[in-house]
Amino acid sequence: MNWINIKTSDLRAPQFIGSDPTARGTWVAVLGYCYEQENGGLIAGCKTWKDRQWQQVCGVTREEIDGARSLMSWQDDDLRVWGYPSDLEDEIKRKREAGRKGGQARTQAKIEASKANGAKHNPSITQAEPKQEPNVIVIERERVIEKKEKEGKDVAEVSATSDEEWLNQLGTNPAYSLIDVRREYSKMQTWCSVNRKIPTRRRFVAWLNRIEKPMDAAKGSRTHESTIDRS
């Protein structure tokens, strides 16, 4: 508690009227400490405290404590302070707890309202995506593979018949008439395996296009020779 609430009737009580000003001041100082601690007006285990500790805690000396016997009394090792409003402390604690619970309730209400509001504007936030059944996943994977096969992106994913037809087409292409297409294709596959590359059709066509064709001494024509850097 942050304020000392002294009843006016206590200021007219025999305990207060019968005490000298020093005892009254000591009582107010010790009462203020109890208010801060909210200890119910009981300072536990303080009978062995020395002057220095009393001065640090309450701003009074042990002698002043003993001189205010009408306003505070010893109960074994504990000091009971007269006039402490325990009922007021209990009321403040109840209000504080109620305020804490109310704050938590309001916070939770705000969270729920925020979720509800978010769901209105963006339903996907709160709605979980339905799980795909295993057969749906398999079908989707097969569709992707089929698409790649049609586009001719990856030789490794194309069937053997398609490879055969494609290589035959390259072999009849005038641009590669002096090149052993199948031999170069085998070389390209070996190079890709060693260098951890994918032997795609695009890569093979680039491979063929970079082959130099040196002159044949007997016929005056060029024969193919792979001299390209594959890095």
C-alpha atoms as a PDB file:
ATOM      1  CA  MET A   1       0.000   0.000   0.000  1.00  0.00           C
ATOM      2  CA  ASN A   2       1.291   3.458  -0.924  1.00  0.00           C
ATOM      3  CA  TRP A   3      -0.619   5.569   1.602  1.00  0.00           C
ATOM      4  CA  ILE A   4      -0.920   5.552   5.382  1.00  0.00           C
ATOM      5  CA  ASN A   5      -4.586   5.517   6.293  1.00  0.00           C
ATOM      6  CA  ILE A   6      -4.953   6.421   9.959  1.00  0.00           C
ATOM      7  CA  LYS A   7      -8.395   6.566  11.499  1.00  0.00           C
ATOM      8  CA  THR A   8      -9.129   9.841  13.295  1.00  0.00           C
ATOM      9  CA  SER A   9     -10.486   7.789  16.179  1.00  0.00           C
ATOM     10  CA  ASP A  10      -7.017   6.250  16.641  1.00  0.00           C
ATOM     11  CA  LEU A  11      -5.603   9.743  17.184  1.00  0.00           C
ATOM     12  CA  ARG A  12      -7.993  10.084  20.121  1.00  0.00           C
ATOM     13  CA  ALA A  13      -7.394   6.598  21.498  1.00  0.00           C
ATOM     14  CA  PRO A  14      -5.682   6.155  24.904  1.00  0.00           C
ATOM     15  CA  GLN A  15      -2.718   4.402  23.318  1.00  0.00           C
ATOM     16  CA  PHE A  16      -1.918   7.463  21.187  1.00  0.00           C
ATOM     17  CA  ILE A  17      -2.885  10.194  23.662  1.00  0.00           C
ATOM     18  CA  GLY A  18      -0.890   8.520  26.442  1.00  0.00           C
ATOM     19  CA  SER A  19       2.319   8.331  24.358  1.00  0.00           C
ATOM     20  CA  ASP A  20       4.931  11.076  24.127  1.00  0.00           C
ATOM     21  CA  PRO A  21       5.732  12.738  20.748  1.00  0.00           C
ATOM     22  CA  THR A  22       8.806  10.553  20.204  1.00  0.00           C
ATOM     23  CA  ALA A  23       6.758   7.388  20.624  1.00  0.00           C
ATOM     24  CA  ARG A  24       4.083   8.762  18.318  1.00  0.00           C
ATOM     25  CA  GLY A  25       6.661   9.541  15.622  1.00  0.00           C
ATOM     26  CA  THR A  26       8.216   6.080  16.044  1.00  0.00           C
ATOM     27  CA  TRP A  27       4.785   4.518  15.640  1.00  0.00           C
ATOM     28  CA  VAL A  28       4.094   6.436  12.420  1.00  0.00           C
ATOM     29  CA  ALA A  29       7.514   5.416  11.011  1.00  0.00           C
ATOM     30  CA  VAL A  30       7.028   1.730  11.837  1.00  0.00           C
ATOM     31  CA  LEU A  31       3.414   1.836  10.648  1.00  0.00           C
ATOM     32  CA  GLY A  32       4.571   3.228   7.298  1.00  0.00           C
ATOM     33  CA  TYR A  33       7.017   0.321   6.907  1.00  0.00           C
ATOM     34  CA  CYS A  34       4.214  -2.167   7.583  1.00  0.00           C
ATOM     35  CA  TYR A  35       2.041  -0.453   4.964  1.00  0.00           C
ATOM     36  CA  GLU A  36       4.803  -0.854   2.377  1.00  0.00           C
ATOM     37  CA  GLN A  37       5.311  -4.520   3.215  1.00  0.00           C
ATOM     38  CA  GLU A  38       1.605  -5.295   3.599  1.00  0.00           C
ATOM     39  CA  ASN A  39       2.525  -7.577   6.465  1.00  0.00           C
ATOM     40  CA  GLY A  40      -0.691  -7.257   8.465  1.00  0.00           C
ATOM     41  CA  GLY A  41       0.987  -5.009  11.049  1.00  0.00           C
ATOM     42  CA  LEU A  42       3.374  -7.783  12.191  1.00  0.00           C
ATOM     43  CA  ILE A  43       7.140  -7.508  11.717  1.00  0.00           C
ATOM     44  CA  ALA A  44       8.321 -11.092  12.011  1.00  0.00           C
ATOM     45  CA  GLY A  45      11.597 -12.074  13.704  1.00  0.00           C
ATOM     46  CA  CYS A  46      12.769  -8.523  14.361  1.00  0.00           C
ATOM     47  CA  LYS A  47      13.477  -8.797  18.097  1.00  0.00           C
ATOM     48  CA  THR A  48      17.162  -9.487  17.452  1.00  0.00           C
ATOM     49  CA  TRP A  49      17.615  -6.531  15.115  1.00  0.00           C
ATOM     50  CA  LYS A  50      20.274  -4.035  16.099  1.00  0.00           C
ATOM     51  CA  ASP A  51      20.025  -0.234  15.898  1.00  0.00           C
ATOM     52  CA  ARG A  52      21.610  -0.129  12.432  1.00  0.00           C
ATOM     53  CA  GLN A  53      19.051  -2.517  10.980  1.00  0.00           C
ATOM     54  CA  TRP A  54      16.110  -0.679  12.594  1.00  0.00           C
ATOM     55  CA  GLN A  55      17.393   2.605  11.210  1.00  0.00           C
ATOM     56  CA  GLN A  56      17.829   1.129   7.726  1.00  0.00           C
ATOM     57  CA  VAL A  57      14.383  -0.484   7.710  1.00  0.00           C
ATOM     58  CA  CYS A  58      12.154   1.928   9.648  1.00  0.00           C
ATOM     59  CA  GLY A  59      14.314   4.973  10.328  1.00  0.00           C
ATOM     60  CA  VAL A  60      14.141   4.539  14.118  1.00  0.00           C
ATOM     61  CA  THR A  61      16.372   3.089  16.831  1.00  0.00           C
ATOM     62  CA  ARG A  62      15.791   0.046  19.000  1.00  0.00           C
ATOM     63  CA  GLU A  63      15.554   2.302  22.015  1.00  0.00           C
ATOM     64  CA  GLU A  64      12.741   4.262  20.356  1.00  0.00           C
ATOM     65  CA  ILE A  65      10.964   0.995  19.586  1.00  0.00           C
ATOM     66  CA  ASP A  66      11.153  -0.020  23.251  1.00  0.00           C
ATOM     67  CA  GLY A  67       9.929   3.441  24.262  1.00  0.00           C
ATOM     68  CA  ALA A  68       6.708   3.105  22.271  1.00  0.00           C
ATOM     69  CA  ARG A  69       5.264   0.130  24.130  1.00  0.00           C
ATOM     70  CA  SER A  70       1.740   1.584  24.185  1.00  0.00           C
ATOM     71  CA  LEU A  71       1.667   1.648  20.365  1.00  0.00           C
ATOM     72  CA  MET A  72       3.439  -1.653  19.607  1.00  0.00           C
ATOM     73  CA  SER A  73       4.091  -4.820  21.529  1.00  0.00           C
ATOM     74  CA  TRP A  74       6.290  -7.907  21.341  1.00  0.00           C
ATOM     75  CA  GLN A  75       4.839 -11.306  20.552  1.00  0.00           C
ATOM     76  CA  ASP A  76       7.756 -13.658  21.042  1.00  0.00           C
ATOM     77  CA  ASP A  77      10.260 -12.524  18.367  1.00  0.00           C
ATOM     78  CA  ASP A  78       7.666 -10.575  16.360  1.00  0.00           C
ATOM     79  CA  LEU A  79       6.552  -6.972  16.774  1.00  0.00           C
ATOM     80  CA  ARG A  80       2.825  -6.230  16.571  1.00  0.00           C
ATOM     81  CA  VAL A  81       2.029  -2.638  15.563  1.00  0.00           C
ATOM     82  CA  TRP A  82      -1.159  -1.141  16.966  1.00  0.00           C
ATOM     83  CA  GLY A  83      -3.665   0.531  14.660  1.00  0.00           C
ATOM     84  CA  TYR A  84      -2.692  -1.305  11.482  1.00  0.00           C
ATOM     85  CA  PRO A  85      -5.835  -1.639   9.253  1.00  0.00           C
ATOM     86  CA  SER A  86      -5.721  -5.327   8.321  1.00  0.00           C
ATOM     87  CA  ASP A  87      -9.244  -5.127   6.895  1.00  0.00           C
ATOM     88  CA  LEU A  88      -8.145  -2.359   4.505  1.00  0.00           C
ATOM     89  CA  GLU A  89      -5.160  -4.444   3.384  1.00  0.00           C
ATOM     90  CA  ASP A  90      -7.438  -7.409   2.670  1.00  0.00           C
ATOM     91  CA  GLU A  91      -9.779  -5.205   0.656  1.00  0.00           C
ATOM     92  CA  ILE A  92      -6.930  -3.770  -1.408  1.00  0.00           C
ATOM     93  CA  LYS A  93      -5.564  -7.249  -2.119  1.00  0.00           C
ATOM     94  CA  ARG A  94      -8.998  -8.445  -3.245  1.00  0.00           C
ATOM     95  CA  LYS A  95      -9.382  -5.471  -5.595  1.00  0.00           C
ATOM     96  CA  ARG A  96      -5.876  -5.977  -6.930  1.00  0.00           C
ATOM     97  CA  GLU A  97      -6.540  -9.645  -7.664  1.00  0.00           C
ATOM     98  CA  ALA A  98      -9.878  -8.825  -9.257  1.00  0.00           C
ATOM     99  CA  GLY A  99      -8.185  -6.207 -11.423  1.00  0.00           C
ATOM    100  CA  ARG A 100      -5.520  -8.707 -12.461  1.00  0.00           C
ATOM    101  CA  LYS A 101      -8.098 -11.311 -13.433  1.00  0.00           C
ATOM    102  CA  GLY A 102     -10.168  -8.682 -15.208  1.00  0.00           C
ATOM    103  CA  GLY A 103      -7.109  -7.570 -17.156  1.00  0.00           C
ATOM    104  CA  GLN A 104      -6.388 -11.148 -18.180  1.00  0.00           C
ATOM    105  CA  ALA A 105      -9.999 -11.616 -19.257  1.00  0.00           C
ATOM    106  CA  ARG A 106      -9.913  -8.416 -21.322  1.00  0.00           C
ATOM    107  CA  THR A 107      -6.627  -9.440 -22.904  1.00  0.00           C
ATOM    108  CA  GLN A 108      -8.020 -12.854 -23.807  1.00  0.00           C
ATOM    109  CA  ALA A 109     -11.166 -11.240 -25.176  1.00  0.00           C
ATOM    110  CA  LYS A 110      -9.038  -8.963 -27.364  1.00  0.00           C
ATOM    111  CA  ILE A 111      -7.084 -11.947 -28.646  1.00  0.00           C
ATOM    112  CA  GLU A 112     -10.253 -13.832 -29.510  1.00  0.00           C
ATOM    113  CA  ALA A 113     -11.749 -10.748 -31.154  1.00  0.00           C
ATOM    114  CA  SER A 114      -8.583 -10.262 -33.179  1.00  0.00           C
ATOM    115  CA  LYS A 115      -8.668 -13.874 -34.330  1.00  0.00           C
ATOM    116  CA  ALA A 116     -12.327 -13.589 -35.274  1.00  0.00           C
ATOM    117  CA  ASN A 117     -11.730 -10.345 -37.136  1.00  0.00           C
ATOM    118  CA  GLY A 118      -8.755 -11.824 -38.940  1.00  0.00           C
ATOM    119  CA  ALA A 119     -10.788 -14.859 -39.927  1.00  0.00           C
ATOM    120  CA  LYS A 120     -13.421 -12.612 -41.561  1.00  0.00           C
ATOM    121  CA  HIS A 121     -10.873 -10.846 -43.743  1.00  0.00           C
ATOM    122  CA  ASN A 122      -8.576 -13.787 -44.336  1.00  0.00           C
ATOM    123  CA  PRO A 123     -10.264 -17.148 -43.742  1.00  0.00           C
ATOM    124  CA  SER A 124      -7.102 -19.047 -44.611  1.00  0.00           C
ATOM    125  CA  ILE A 125      -5.499 -17.849 -41.346  1.00  0.00           C
ATOM    126  CA  THR A 126      -7.766 -19.921 -39.161  1.00  0.00           C
ATOM    127  CA  GLN A 127      -8.802 -22.657 -41.551  1.00  0.00           C
ATOM    128  CA  ALA A 128      -6.402 -25.545 -41.791  1.00  0.00           C
ATOM    129  CA  GLU A 129      -5.621 -26.823 -45.245  1.00  0.00           C
ATOM    130  CA  PRO A 130      -7.172 -30.247 -45.876  1.00  0.00           C
ATOM    131  CA  LYS A 131      -4.711 -33.104 -45.940  1.00  0.00           C
ATOM    132  CA  GLN A 132      -4.115 -34.701 -49.289  1.00  0.00           C
ATOM    133  CA  GLU A 133      -4.847 -38.379 -49.465  1.00  0.00           C
ATOM    134  CA  PRO A 134      -1.852 -40.554 -50.481  1.00  0.00           C
ATOM    135  CA  ASN A 135      -3.389 -41.431 -53.856  1.00  0.00           C
ATOM    136  CA  VAL A 136      -3.845 -37.721 -54.640  1.00  0.00           C
ATOM    137  CA  ILE A 137      -0.180 -37.065 -53.911  1.00  0.00           C
ATOM    138  CA  VAL A 138       0.879 -39.945 -56.159  1.00  0.00           C
ATOM    139  CA  ILE A 139      -1.354 -38.724 -58.973  1.00  0.00           C
ATOM    140  CA  GLU A 140       0.068 -35.199 -58.655  1.00  0.00           C
ATOM    141  CA  ARG A 141       3.632 -36.532 -58.804  1.00  0.00           C
ATOM    142  CA  GLU A 142       2.813 -38.562 -61.916  1.00  0.00           C
ATOM    143  CA  ARG A 143       1.337 -35.470 -63.561  1.00  0.00           C
ATOM    144  CA  VAL A 144       4.568 -33.541 -62.946  1.00  0.00           C
ATOM    145  CA  ILE A 145       6.670 -36.363 -64.382  1.00  0.00           C
ATOM    146  CA  GLU A 146       4.387 -36.602 -67.412  1.00  0.00           C
ATOM    147  CA  LYS A 147       4.686 -32.857 -67.986  1.00  0.00           C
ATOM    148  CA  LYS A 148       8.472 -33.039 -67.874  1.00  0.00           C
ATOM    149  CA  GLU A 149       8.476 -35.928 -70.324  1.00  0.00           C
ATOM    150  CA  LYS A 150       6.329 -33.986 -72.787  1.00  0.00           C
ATOM    151  CA  GLU A 151       8.561 -30.924 -72.546  1.00  0.00           C
ATOM    152  CA  GLY A 152      11.712 -33.011 -72.989  1.00  0.00           C
ATOM    153  CA  LYS A 153      13.503 -31.281 -70.103  1.00  0.00           C
ATOM    154  CA  ASP A 154      15.288 -34.290 -68.647  1.00  0.00           C
ATOM    155  CA  VAL A 155      16.649 -37.224 -70.636  1.00  0.00           C
ATOM    156  CA  ALA A 156      16.788 -39.331 -67.471  1.00  0.00           C
ATOM    157  CA  GLU A 157      13.013 -39.046 -67.081  1.00  0.00           C
ATOM    158  CA  VAL A 158      12.124 -39.813 -70.703  1.00  0.00           C
ATOM    159  CA  SER A 159      11.321 -43.372 -71.772  1.00  0.00           C
ATOM    160  CA  ALA A 160      13.792 -45.501 -73.769  1.00  0.00           C
ATOM    161  CA  THR A 161      11.575 -45.388 -76.882  1.00  0.00           C
ATOM    162  CA  SER A 162      11.492 -41.572 -76.812  1.00  0.00           C
ATOM    163  CA  ASP A 163      15.310 -41.460 -76.496  1.00  0.00           C
ATOM    164  CA  GLU A 164      15.657 -43.744 -79.481  1.00  0.00           C
ATOM    165  CA  GLU A 165      13.360 -41.671 -81.638  1.00  0.00           C
ATOM    166  CA  TRP A 166      14.994 -38.425 -80.586  1.00  0.00           C
ATOM    167  CA  LEU A 167      18.515 -39.668 -81.324  1.00  0.00           C
ATOM    168  CA  ASN A 168      17.380 -40.937 -84.724  1.00  0.00           C
ATOM    169  CA  GLN A 169      16.009 -37.481 -85.511  1.00  0.00           C
ATOM    170  CA  LEU A 170      19.322 -35.888 -84.531  1.00  0.00           C
ATOM    171  CA  GLY A 171      21.218 -38.410 -86.656  1.00  0.00           C
ATOM    172  CA  THR A 172      19.220 -37.404 -89.757  1.00  0.00           C
ATOM    173  CA  ASN A 173      19.664 -33.687 -89.103  1.00  0.00           C
ATOM    174  CA  PRO A 174      22.046 -32.225 -91.775  1.00  0.00           C
ATOM    175  CA  ALA A 175      23.697 -30.061 -89.130  1.00  0.00           C
ATOM    176  CA  TYR A 176      25.073 -33.225 -87.477  1.00  0.00           C
ATOM    177  CA  SER A 177      25.682 -35.353 -90.602  1.00  0.00           C
ATOM    178  CA  LEU A 178      29.415 -35.665 -89.877  1.00  0.00           C
ATOM    179  CA  ILE A 179      28.919 -36.438 -86.181  1.00  0.00           C
ATOM    180  CA  ASP A 180      28.421 -39.841 -84.569  1.00  0.00           C
ATOM    181  CA  VAL A 181      25.400 -38.715 -82.518  1.00  0.00           C
ATOM    182  CA  ARG A 182      25.102 -41.898 -80.474  1.00  0.00           C
ATOM    183  CA  ARG A 183      28.801 -41.911 -79.607  1.00  0.00           C
ATOM    184  CA  GLU A 184      28.632 -38.274 -78.495  1.00  0.00           C
ATOM    185  CA  TYR A 185      25.487 -38.973 -76.519  1.00  0.00           C
ATOM    186  CA  SER A 186      27.276 -41.734 -74.630  1.00  0.00           C
ATOM    187  CA  LYS A 187      30.222 -39.424 -73.982  1.00  0.00           C
ATOM    188  CA  MET A 188      27.907 -36.689 -72.705  1.00  0.00           C
ATOM    189  CA  GLN A 189      26.195 -39.091 -70.317  1.00  0.00           C
ATOM    190  CA  THR A 190      29.553 -40.234 -68.927  1.00  0.00           C
ATOM    191  CA  TRP A 191      30.714 -36.627 -68.494  1.00  0.00           C
ATOM    192  CA  CYS A 192      27.479 -35.723 -66.646  1.00  0.00           C
ATOM    193  CA  SER A 193      27.828 -38.721 -64.355  1.00  0.00           C
ATOM    194  CA  VAL A 194      31.395 -37.772 -63.397  1.00  0.00           C
ATOM    195  CA  ASN A 195      30.565 -34.089 -62.931  1.00  0.00           C
ATOM    196  CA  ARG A 196      27.207 -34.646 -61.229  1.00  0.00           C
ATOM    197  CA  LYS A 197      25.227 -32.927 -63.941  1.00  0.00           C
ATOM    198  CA  ILE A 198      21.803 -33.758 -65.375  1.00  0.00           C
ATOM    199  CA  PRO A 199      22.025 -35.126 -68.963  1.00  0.00           C
ATOM    200  CA  THR A 200      19.206 -33.045 -70.375  1.00  0.00           C
ATOM    201  CA  ARG A 201      18.383 -32.817 -74.061  1.00  0.00           C
ATOM    202  CA  ARG A 202      19.204 -29.112 -74.048  1.00  0.00           C
ATOM    203  CA  ARG A 203      22.676 -29.920 -72.709  1.00  0.00           C
ATOM    204  CA  PHE A 204      23.233 -32.582 -75.406  1.00  0.00           C
ATOM    205  CA  VAL A 205      22.220 -30.267 -78.229  1.00  0.00           C
ATOM    206  CA  ALA A 206      24.643 -27.655 -76.883  1.00  0.00           C
ATOM    207  CA  TRP A 207      27.267 -30.400 -76.710  1.00  0.00           C
ATOM    208  CA  LEU A 208      26.755 -31.252 -80.394  1.00  0.00           C
ATOM    209  CA  ASN A 209      26.786 -27.612 -81.471  1.00  0.00           C
ATOM    210  CA  ARG A 210      30.182 -27.038 -79.887  1.00  0.00           C
ATOM    211  CA  ILE A 211      31.944 -29.954 -81.608  1.00  0.00           C
ATOM    212  CA  GLU A 212      34.663 -28.824 -84.033  1.00  0.00           C
ATOM    213  CA  LYS A 213      34.910 -30.664 -87.370  1.00  0.00           C
ATOM    214  CA  PRO A 214      38.560 -30.867 -88.574  1.00  0.00           C
ATOM    215  CA  MET A 215      39.336 -31.356 -92.307  1.00  0.00           C
ATOM    216  CA  ASP A 216      39.675 -34.939 -93.593  1.00  0.00           C
ATOM    217  CA  ALA A 217      42.915 -35.110 -95.619  1.00  0.00           C
ATOM    218  CA  ALA A 218      41.587 -37.635 -98.148  1.00  0.00           C
ATOM    219  CA  LYS A 219      38.113 -36.255 -98.840  1.00  0.00           C
ATOM    220  CA  GLY A 220      38.635 -32.575 -98.082  1.00  0.00           C
ATOM    221  CA  SER A 221      35.812 -32.622 -95.543  1.00  0.00           C
ATOM    222  CA  ARG A 222      35.648 -32.220 -91.772  1.00  0.00           C
ATOM    223  CA  THR A 223      35.245 -35.112 -89.354  1.00  0.00           C
ATOM    224  CA  HIS A 224      33.813 -34.539 -85.914  1.00  0.00           C
ATOM    225  CA  GLU A 225      35.908 -34.217 -82.788  1.00  0.00           C
ATOM    226  CA  SER A 226      34.833 -33.138 -79.327  1.00  0.00           C
ATOM    227  CA  THR A 227      37.147 -30.389 -78.137  1.00  0.00           C
ATOM    228  CA  ILE A 228      34.848 -28.360 -75.901  1.00  0.00           C
ATOM    229  CA  ASP A 229      35.306 -27.442 -72.255  1.00  0.00           C
ATOM    230  CA  ARG A 230      32.436 -29.052 -70.331  1.00  0.00           C
ATOM    231  CA  SER A 231      32.900 -27.096 -67.077  1.00  0.00           C
END
